[in-house]
Amino acid sequence: MNPIPNALCFGDGLPGVGAPCHVTVSADGLTMVPVGTSPLVEEAIAFADMSVEAGGLDHDQLVVSWGTGSSARTLYLKDPALIIAFRRAAPAELTAHLERAAVQVRRARHGHRLLWGSVLGVVFGLGLLLWFGTDLIVEWAVARIPIEWEQKLGESVYQDFLSKETVLKEGPAVSAVQEMTQRLTDKIRDNPYKFQISVVQSPVVNAFALPGGYVVVFTGLMTKAESGEEVAGVLSHELNHVLQRHGMERMVKMLGLAAVVGILLGDQQGLTGLAKQVGMELVTLKFGRAQETEADVTGIRLLSDARIAPDGMIRFFERLSEKDKARVEVFSTHPMSAGRAERLKAELAALPKRTPEPFTFQWKTIQDSLGVSDPKK
């Protein structure tokens, strides 16, 4: 019965990967027995004829050497039980070799611990940098996306969404939204977008913006609002999500490193392809707290510049948050809190006092056209 190999032997005439062998320890030294078809021959090595040192990738092996010239042989002992037996049987003259081996092992392991500690430290540091610097990285990447790319992406999702909805092409509600949009966009300085606004027949009390300047207003929002100024407040908020490129920032975050690499390489097709994987998720995209606050603040400033009563935004959100907190969809993507409302009130108080200019339409006429008999019900 062939013994099980527990060591490898190296030397002239032996395979480069070593010849497997079985080694046993006696009081006089080691006995090496070849295993399988190994070209080795059985050999006894006296303790007096050998030297010992640490070896192996992790310095967890004992390397036993003996002989000279073409007869030189080296054994690599890795089996823990074999190493323990060797250390117990070794005579005093090998003690120095064994101590040197132990020192080498300790140094190697200490070096490995330092190396892995450094590696883990670097990885941890990079993780913290990415964690805390994610927004900066995303903003940096988005700033390098041409507006034309953003428009193509938004248009694709916009048209796909509208193809499945009932879109109002004309009528008082459409004219009212167009007037609000015109008043607001006329006051946007250096506006790079050609905003397209659609009114969609739906009971959903909401509006949303897509990258590139595409905005959808649901009739449910208009039937719930008590004035055109309230709808204009929501619309101004959405326009500013576009102007601040919040949609692109959320998309890049969703797509991750691949999107950033595509941007760096100027790969429009690659980025568009990745964006299509997100698809209709852009419609229900949830913005972060900082983005919502930024859209609120810039939105209320835009209302003031357009001479649209800016307190309409606050009134609308406060009223809905009090009456319909559990039901109204607007809060799934635009979470309102008392603190956020107070932030808007403080911003409004700091704005220049401007006399609002009324819209040309009558809000009751708009709601009558949508089948609302009493907007306060």
Protein backbone atom coordinates (compact mmCIF):
# COMPACT_ATOMS: atom_id res chain seq x y z
CA MET A 1 0.00 0.00 0.00
CA ASN A 2 1.50 3.29 -1.12
CA PRO A 3 2.02 5.86 1.67
CA ILE A 4 0.31 9.25 1.51
CA PRO A 5 2.65 12.08 0.42
CA ASN A 6 3.33 14.67 3.11
CA ALA A 7 6.33 16.47 1.60
CA LEU A 8 7.95 17.52 -1.68
CA CYS A 9 11.55 16.89 -2.68
CA PHE A 10 13.52 19.09 -5.09
CA GLY A 11 16.89 18.55 -6.77
CA ASP A 12 18.68 17.58 -9.99
CA GLY A 13 16.76 15.05 -12.06
CA LEU A 14 13.51 15.75 -10.23
CA PRO A 15 10.39 17.48 -11.61
CA GLY A 16 10.37 21.27 -11.38
CA VAL A 17 7.21 21.13 -9.28
CA GLY A 18 8.89 18.71 -6.86
CA ALA A 19 8.62 14.97 -6.34
CA PRO A 20 6.00 13.82 -3.81
CA CYS A 21 7.27 11.70 -1.00
CA HIS A 22 6.39 10.43 2.45
CA VAL A 23 8.68 11.50 5.30
CA THR A 24 8.88 10.01 8.77
CA VAL A 25 10.91 11.17 11.77
CA SER A 26 13.14 8.96 13.89
CA ALA A 27 15.65 9.59 16.64
CA ASP A 28 18.47 9.76 14.08
CA GLY A 29 16.87 11.86 11.39
CA LEU A 30 14.38 11.58 8.54
CA THR A 31 13.44 8.74 6.25
CA MET A 32 12.14 9.73 2.81
CA VAL A 33 10.07 7.20 0.82
CA PRO A 34 9.05 7.95 -2.82
CA VAL A 35 5.33 7.98 -3.62
CA GLY A 36 3.82 6.77 -6.90
CA THR A 37 6.05 6.95 -9.96
CA SER A 38 8.47 9.44 -8.40
CA PRO A 39 12.10 9.11 -9.61
CA LEU A 40 13.19 9.33 -5.97
CA VAL A 41 14.68 6.46 -4.11
CA GLU A 42 14.19 5.72 -0.46
CA GLU A 43 16.75 7.59 1.58
CA ALA A 44 17.64 8.18 5.22
CA ILE A 45 18.94 11.65 6.12
CA ALA A 46 20.80 12.03 9.39
CA PHE A 47 20.22 15.14 11.48
CA ALA A 48 23.97 15.79 11.37
CA ASP A 49 23.92 16.06 7.57
CA MET A 50 21.08 18.55 7.17
CA SER A 51 20.36 22.24 7.59
CA VAL A 52 16.95 23.77 8.30
CA GLU A 53 15.26 27.08 7.53
CA ALA A 54 11.78 28.50 7.01
CA GLY A 55 10.29 28.48 3.55
CA GLY A 56 7.14 28.52 1.48
CA LEU A 57 5.00 31.48 0.43
CA ASP A 58 3.80 32.09 3.98
CA HIS A 59 7.03 30.89 5.63
CA ASP A 60 4.97 28.17 7.29
CA GLN A 61 7.10 25.30 5.99
CA LEU A 62 10.38 23.80 7.15
CA VAL A 63 12.96 23.49 4.40
CA VAL A 64 15.43 20.68 5.00
CA SER A 65 18.56 20.62 2.82
CA TRP A 66 21.42 18.13 2.51
CA GLY A 67 24.04 16.95 0.03
CA THR A 68 26.18 18.92 -2.43
CA GLY A 69 26.43 19.35 -6.17
CA SER A 70 24.18 17.09 -8.22
CA SER A 71 23.37 15.12 -5.09
CA ALA A 72 21.91 18.14 -3.29
CA ARG A 73 18.32 17.66 -2.20
CA THR A 74 15.75 19.88 -0.53
CA LEU A 75 12.62 18.77 1.31
CA TYR A 76 9.66 21.05 1.94
CA LEU A 77 7.75 19.95 5.03
CA LYS A 78 4.33 21.57 5.42
CA ASP A 79 2.37 18.99 7.39
CA PRO A 80 1.97 20.46 10.94
CA ALA A 81 2.22 17.05 12.66
CA LEU A 82 5.42 16.25 10.75
CA ILE A 83 6.95 19.63 11.66
CA ILE A 84 6.13 19.15 15.35
CA ALA A 85 7.65 15.66 15.32
CA PHE A 86 10.77 17.00 13.62
CA ARG A 87 11.24 19.79 16.19
CA ARG A 88 10.86 17.35 19.08
CA ALA A 89 13.38 14.88 17.68
CA ALA A 90 15.98 17.36 16.40
CA PRO A 91 19.31 17.33 18.29
CA ALA A 92 20.89 20.36 19.92
CA GLU A 93 23.09 21.11 16.91
CA LEU A 94 20.00 21.90 14.82
CA THR A 95 18.52 24.21 17.46
CA ALA A 96 20.14 27.31 15.91
CA HIS A 97 18.67 26.43 12.52
CA LEU A 98 15.24 25.92 14.03
CA GLU A 99 15.42 29.20 15.95
CA ARG A 100 16.39 31.06 12.79
CA ALA A 101 13.47 29.42 11.05
CA ALA A 102 11.10 30.49 13.85
CA VAL A 103 12.38 34.09 13.67
CA GLN A 104 11.88 34.10 9.89
CA VAL A 105 8.34 32.82 10.31
CA ARG A 106 7.50 35.46 12.92
CA ARG A 107 8.96 38.24 10.80
CA ALA A 108 7.15 37.05 7.69
CA ARG A 109 3.84 36.78 9.51
CA HIS A 110 4.32 40.19 11.10
CA GLY A 111 5.11 41.62 7.66
CA HIS A 112 2.02 39.97 6.22
CA ARG A 113 -0.12 41.40 9.01
CA LEU A 114 1.30 44.85 8.36
CA LEU A 115 0.73 44.44 4.63
CA TRP A 116 -2.84 43.26 4.98
CA GLY A 117 -3.48 45.89 7.63
CA SER A 118 -2.24 48.55 5.22
CA VAL A 119 -4.32 47.12 2.39
CA LEU A 120 -7.45 47.02 4.54
CA GLY A 121 -6.71 50.54 5.75
CA VAL A 122 -6.44 51.81 2.19
CA VAL A 123 -9.63 49.98 1.18
CA PHE A 124 -11.44 51.33 4.23
CA GLY A 125 -10.15 54.83 3.51
CA LEU A 126 -11.25 54.63 -0.11
CA GLY A 127 -14.61 53.34 1.05
CA LEU A 128 -15.03 56.34 3.34
CA LEU A 129 -13.91 58.67 0.58
CA LEU A 130 -16.43 57.18 -1.84
CA TRP A 131 -19.15 57.16 0.83
CA PHE A 132 -18.73 60.79 1.79
CA GLY A 133 -17.59 61.94 -1.63
CA THR A 134 -20.27 60.20 -3.68
CA ASP A 135 -22.28 63.36 -4.23
CA LEU A 136 -19.17 65.25 -5.32
CA ILE A 137 -18.19 62.47 -7.74
CA VAL A 138 -21.72 62.33 -9.15
CA GLU A 139 -21.92 66.11 -9.55
CA TRP A 140 -18.52 66.09 -11.26
CA ALA A 141 -19.66 63.35 -13.66
CA VAL A 142 -23.02 64.98 -14.42
CA ALA A 143 -21.32 68.29 -15.18
CA ARG A 144 -19.54 66.51 -18.05
CA ILE A 145 -22.73 65.16 -19.64
CA PRO A 146 -23.73 67.35 -22.61
CA ILE A 147 -27.24 68.77 -22.46
CA GLU A 148 -27.90 67.08 -25.83
CA TRP A 149 -27.30 63.64 -24.28
CA GLU A 150 -29.60 64.49 -21.39
CA GLN A 151 -32.35 65.64 -23.77
CA LYS A 152 -32.18 62.45 -25.84
CA LEU A 153 -32.42 60.34 -22.72
CA GLY A 154 -35.34 62.30 -21.25
CA GLU A 155 -37.22 62.43 -24.55
CA SER A 156 -37.04 58.66 -24.95
CA VAL A 157 -38.57 58.00 -21.53
CA TYR A 158 -41.04 60.89 -21.94
CA GLN A 159 -42.45 59.64 -25.23
CA ASP A 160 -42.60 56.07 -23.96
CA PHE A 161 -44.59 57.21 -20.92
CA LEU A 162 -46.99 59.41 -22.90
CA SER A 163 -47.70 56.61 -25.39
CA LYS A 164 -49.45 54.72 -22.60
CA GLU A 165 -51.42 57.70 -21.21
CA THR A 166 -54.31 59.96 -22.21
CA VAL A 167 -52.69 63.30 -23.02
CA LEU A 168 -54.77 66.47 -23.17
CA LYS A 169 -53.82 68.28 -26.38
CA GLU A 170 -55.96 71.40 -25.88
CA GLY A 171 -58.49 73.03 -23.60
CA PRO A 172 -58.49 75.38 -20.61
CA ALA A 173 -56.27 73.13 -18.44
CA VAL A 174 -53.61 72.87 -21.14
CA SER A 175 -53.69 76.62 -21.81
CA ALA A 176 -53.37 77.35 -18.08
CA VAL A 177 -50.31 75.11 -17.70
CA GLN A 178 -48.76 76.68 -20.79
CA GLU A 179 -49.26 80.15 -19.34
CA MET A 180 -47.69 79.13 -16.01
CA THR A 181 -44.75 77.54 -17.80
CA GLN A 182 -44.20 80.60 -20.00
CA ARG A 183 -44.26 82.95 -17.01
CA LEU A 184 -41.72 80.81 -15.18
CA THR A 185 -39.34 79.98 -18.02
CA ASP A 186 -39.19 83.61 -19.16
CA LYS A 187 -37.41 84.38 -15.88
CA ILE A 188 -34.82 81.60 -16.08
CA ARG A 189 -31.42 83.11 -16.84
CA ASP A 190 -29.24 81.30 -19.39
CA ASN A 191 -31.78 78.51 -19.70
CA PRO A 192 -30.21 75.61 -21.68
CA TYR A 193 -33.48 73.67 -21.89
CA LYS A 194 -36.49 73.82 -24.18
CA PHE A 195 -39.08 72.71 -21.67
CA GLN A 196 -41.91 70.50 -22.87
CA ILE A 197 -44.91 70.19 -20.55
CA SER A 198 -47.74 67.70 -21.00
CA VAL A 199 -51.03 67.47 -19.13
CA VAL A 200 -52.06 63.85 -18.56
CA GLN A 201 -55.59 62.74 -17.67
CA SER A 202 -55.17 60.94 -14.35
CA PRO A 203 -56.51 61.18 -10.78
CA VAL A 204 -52.93 61.03 -9.48
CA VAL A 205 -52.16 64.17 -7.45
CA ASN A 206 -48.66 64.70 -8.75
CA ALA A 207 -46.28 66.08 -11.35
CA PHE A 208 -42.81 64.90 -12.28
CA ALA A 209 -39.82 66.05 -14.29
CA LEU A 210 -37.46 64.03 -16.48
CA PRO A 211 -33.88 64.89 -17.45
CA GLY A 212 -33.67 67.19 -20.45
CA GLY A 213 -36.63 69.43 -19.63
CA TYR A 214 -39.66 67.12 -19.95
CA VAL A 215 -42.41 67.63 -17.37
CA VAL A 216 -45.74 65.87 -16.83
CA VAL A 217 -48.63 67.41 -14.88
CA PHE A 218 -51.50 65.14 -13.92
CA THR A 219 -55.05 66.49 -13.93
CA GLY A 220 -55.43 65.11 -10.39
CA LEU A 221 -53.03 67.80 -9.24
CA MET A 222 -55.11 70.50 -10.90
CA THR A 223 -58.39 69.24 -9.47
CA LYS A 224 -56.94 69.14 -5.97
CA ALA A 225 -55.31 72.59 -6.05
CA GLU A 226 -57.34 75.61 -4.95
CA SER A 227 -55.59 78.10 -7.22
CA GLY A 228 -53.37 78.36 -10.24
CA GLU A 229 -50.62 79.67 -7.94
CA GLU A 230 -50.57 76.35 -6.11
CA VAL A 231 -50.08 74.39 -9.33
CA ALA A 232 -47.47 76.91 -10.46
CA GLY A 233 -45.62 76.28 -7.19
CA VAL A 234 -45.43 72.53 -7.90
CA LEU A 235 -44.49 73.25 -11.50
CA SER A 236 -41.69 75.63 -10.45
CA HIS A 237 -40.37 72.95 -8.09
CA GLU A 238 -40.26 70.43 -10.97
CA LEU A 239 -38.63 72.84 -13.40
CA ASN A 240 -35.87 73.40 -10.88
CA HIS A 241 -35.25 69.66 -10.52
CA VAL A 242 -34.39 69.84 -14.23
CA LEU A 243 -32.33 73.04 -13.98
CA GLN A 244 -30.29 71.60 -11.10
CA ARG A 245 -29.91 68.31 -13.07
CA HIS A 246 -31.19 66.29 -10.14
CA GLY A 247 -32.61 63.60 -12.42
CA MET A 248 -29.22 63.03 -14.04
CA GLU A 249 -27.55 62.87 -10.64
CA ARG A 250 -29.97 60.21 -9.43
CA MET A 251 -29.57 58.27 -12.67
CA VAL A 252 -25.77 58.26 -12.45
CA LYS A 253 -26.04 57.10 -8.84
CA MET A 254 -28.34 54.26 -9.90
CA LEU A 255 -26.08 53.18 -12.76
CA GLY A 256 -22.91 53.52 -10.70
CA LEU A 257 -19.30 53.23 -11.85
CA ALA A 258 -20.19 52.08 -15.36
CA ALA A 259 -21.98 55.37 -16.04
CA VAL A 260 -19.05 57.43 -14.74
CA VAL A 261 -16.61 55.50 -16.93
CA GLY A 262 -18.89 55.99 -19.94
CA ILE A 263 -18.99 59.72 -19.27
CA LEU A 264 -15.21 59.91 -18.94
CA LEU A 265 -14.79 58.09 -22.25
CA GLY A 266 -17.35 60.29 -23.97
CA ASP A 267 -19.43 57.23 -24.79
CA GLN A 268 -22.87 58.64 -25.59
CA GLN A 269 -24.26 55.35 -26.91
CA GLY A 270 -22.95 53.42 -23.94
CA LEU A 271 -24.45 55.88 -21.46
CA THR A 272 -27.76 55.92 -23.32
CA GLY A 273 -27.80 52.13 -23.33
CA LEU A 274 -27.18 52.02 -19.61
CA ALA A 275 -29.86 54.65 -19.04
CA LYS A 276 -32.39 52.56 -20.96
CA GLN A 277 -31.86 49.85 -18.37
CA VAL A 278 -33.25 52.30 -15.83
CA GLY A 279 -36.15 53.01 -18.18
CA MET A 280 -39.42 53.99 -16.57
CA GLU A 281 -37.84 54.05 -13.12
CA LEU A 282 -36.93 57.65 -14.00
CA VAL A 283 -40.65 58.46 -13.87
CA THR A 284 -40.89 57.50 -10.20
CA LEU A 285 -37.38 58.62 -9.29
CA LYS A 286 -37.04 59.65 -5.66
CA PHE A 287 -34.82 62.60 -4.96
CA GLY A 288 -32.70 63.02 -1.86
CA ARG A 289 -33.56 65.43 0.93
CA ALA A 290 -30.92 67.94 -0.19
CA GLN A 291 -32.21 67.84 -3.76
CA GLU A 292 -35.81 68.36 -2.65
CA THR A 293 -34.77 71.32 -0.51
CA GLU A 294 -32.78 72.82 -3.36
CA ALA A 295 -35.74 72.47 -5.74
CA ASP A 296 -38.01 74.05 -3.12
CA VAL A 297 -35.74 77.03 -2.50
CA THR A 298 -34.88 77.72 -6.15
CA GLY A 299 -38.51 77.08 -7.05
CA ILE A 300 -39.90 79.68 -4.66
CA ARG A 301 -37.30 82.19 -5.88
CA LEU A 302 -38.36 81.57 -9.48
CA LEU A 303 -42.00 82.12 -8.52
CA SER A 304 -41.05 85.45 -6.98
CA ASP A 305 -39.09 86.48 -10.07
CA ALA A 306 -42.09 85.59 -12.26
CA ARG A 307 -44.38 87.62 -9.98
CA ILE A 308 -46.46 84.54 -9.19
CA ALA A 309 -47.60 84.50 -5.54
CA PRO A 310 -44.87 82.24 -4.05
CA ASP A 311 -46.81 81.29 -0.96
CA GLY A 312 -49.00 79.10 -3.18
CA MET A 313 -46.34 76.36 -3.07
CA ILE A 314 -46.33 76.35 0.73
CA ARG A 315 -50.12 76.44 1.06
CA PHE A 316 -50.61 73.55 -1.32
CA PHE A 317 -48.09 71.24 0.32
CA GLU A 318 -49.19 72.11 3.85
CA ARG A 319 -52.84 71.52 3.05
CA LEU A 320 -52.20 68.17 1.41
CA SER A 321 -49.87 67.03 4.17
CA GLU A 322 -52.57 67.75 6.76
CA LYS A 323 -55.59 66.32 4.92
CA ASP A 324 -54.35 63.53 2.68
CA LYS A 325 -51.07 62.33 4.17
CA ALA A 326 -51.96 58.67 3.80
CA ARG A 327 -53.48 58.88 0.32
CA VAL A 328 -51.92 61.49 -1.94
CA GLU A 329 -49.20 60.18 -4.25
CA VAL A 330 -47.33 63.46 -4.33
CA PHE A 331 -45.76 62.54 -0.99
CA SER A 332 -44.19 59.35 -2.31
CA THR A 333 -41.74 61.43 -4.32
CA HIS A 334 -42.02 64.80 -2.57
CA PRO A 335 -42.00 64.06 1.17
CA MET A 336 -43.20 67.12 3.05
CA SER A 337 -42.31 67.84 6.66
CA ALA A 338 -43.02 70.69 9.06
CA GLY A 339 -39.32 71.54 9.03
CA ARG A 340 -39.28 71.74 5.26
CA ALA A 341 -42.32 74.03 5.25
CA GLU A 342 -40.65 76.28 7.80
CA ARG A 343 -37.54 76.42 5.60
CA LEU A 344 -39.69 77.66 2.71
CA LYS A 345 -41.39 80.25 4.90
CA ALA A 346 -38.02 81.58 6.00
CA GLU A 347 -36.86 81.75 2.39
CA LEU A 348 -40.04 83.57 1.37
CA ALA A 349 -39.59 86.12 4.17
CA ALA A 350 -36.09 86.91 2.88
CA LEU A 351 -37.20 87.50 -0.73
CA PRO A 352 -37.80 91.00 -2.10
CA LYS A 353 -41.39 92.13 -1.71
CA ARG A 354 -42.95 91.98 -5.17
CA THR A 355 -46.58 92.54 -6.10
CA PRO A 356 -47.90 89.32 -7.70
CA GLU A 357 -49.48 89.56 -11.12
CA PRO A 358 -52.59 87.39 -11.56
CA PHE A 359 -52.96 84.85 -14.32
CA THR A 360 -55.22 85.63 -17.26
CA PHE A 361 -57.40 82.58 -16.57
CA GLN A 362 -60.00 82.03 -13.88
CA TRP A 363 -59.19 78.97 -11.78
CA LYS A 364 -62.86 78.03 -11.41
CA THR A 365 -63.14 77.86 -15.20
CA ILE A 366 -60.15 75.51 -15.33
CA GLN A 367 -61.57 73.21 -12.70
CA ASP A 368 -65.04 73.27 -14.28
CA SER A 369 -63.45 72.04 -17.48
CA LEU A 370 -61.96 69.13 -15.50
CA GLY A 371 -65.29 68.30 -13.90
CA VAL A 372 -64.64 69.79 -10.46
CA SER A 373 -67.73 71.50 -8.98
CA ASP A 374 -66.18 72.64 -5.70
CA PRO A 375 -62.37 72.60 -5.39
CA LYS A 376 -62.55 72.74 -1.59
CA LYS A 377 -64.30 69.40 -1.31
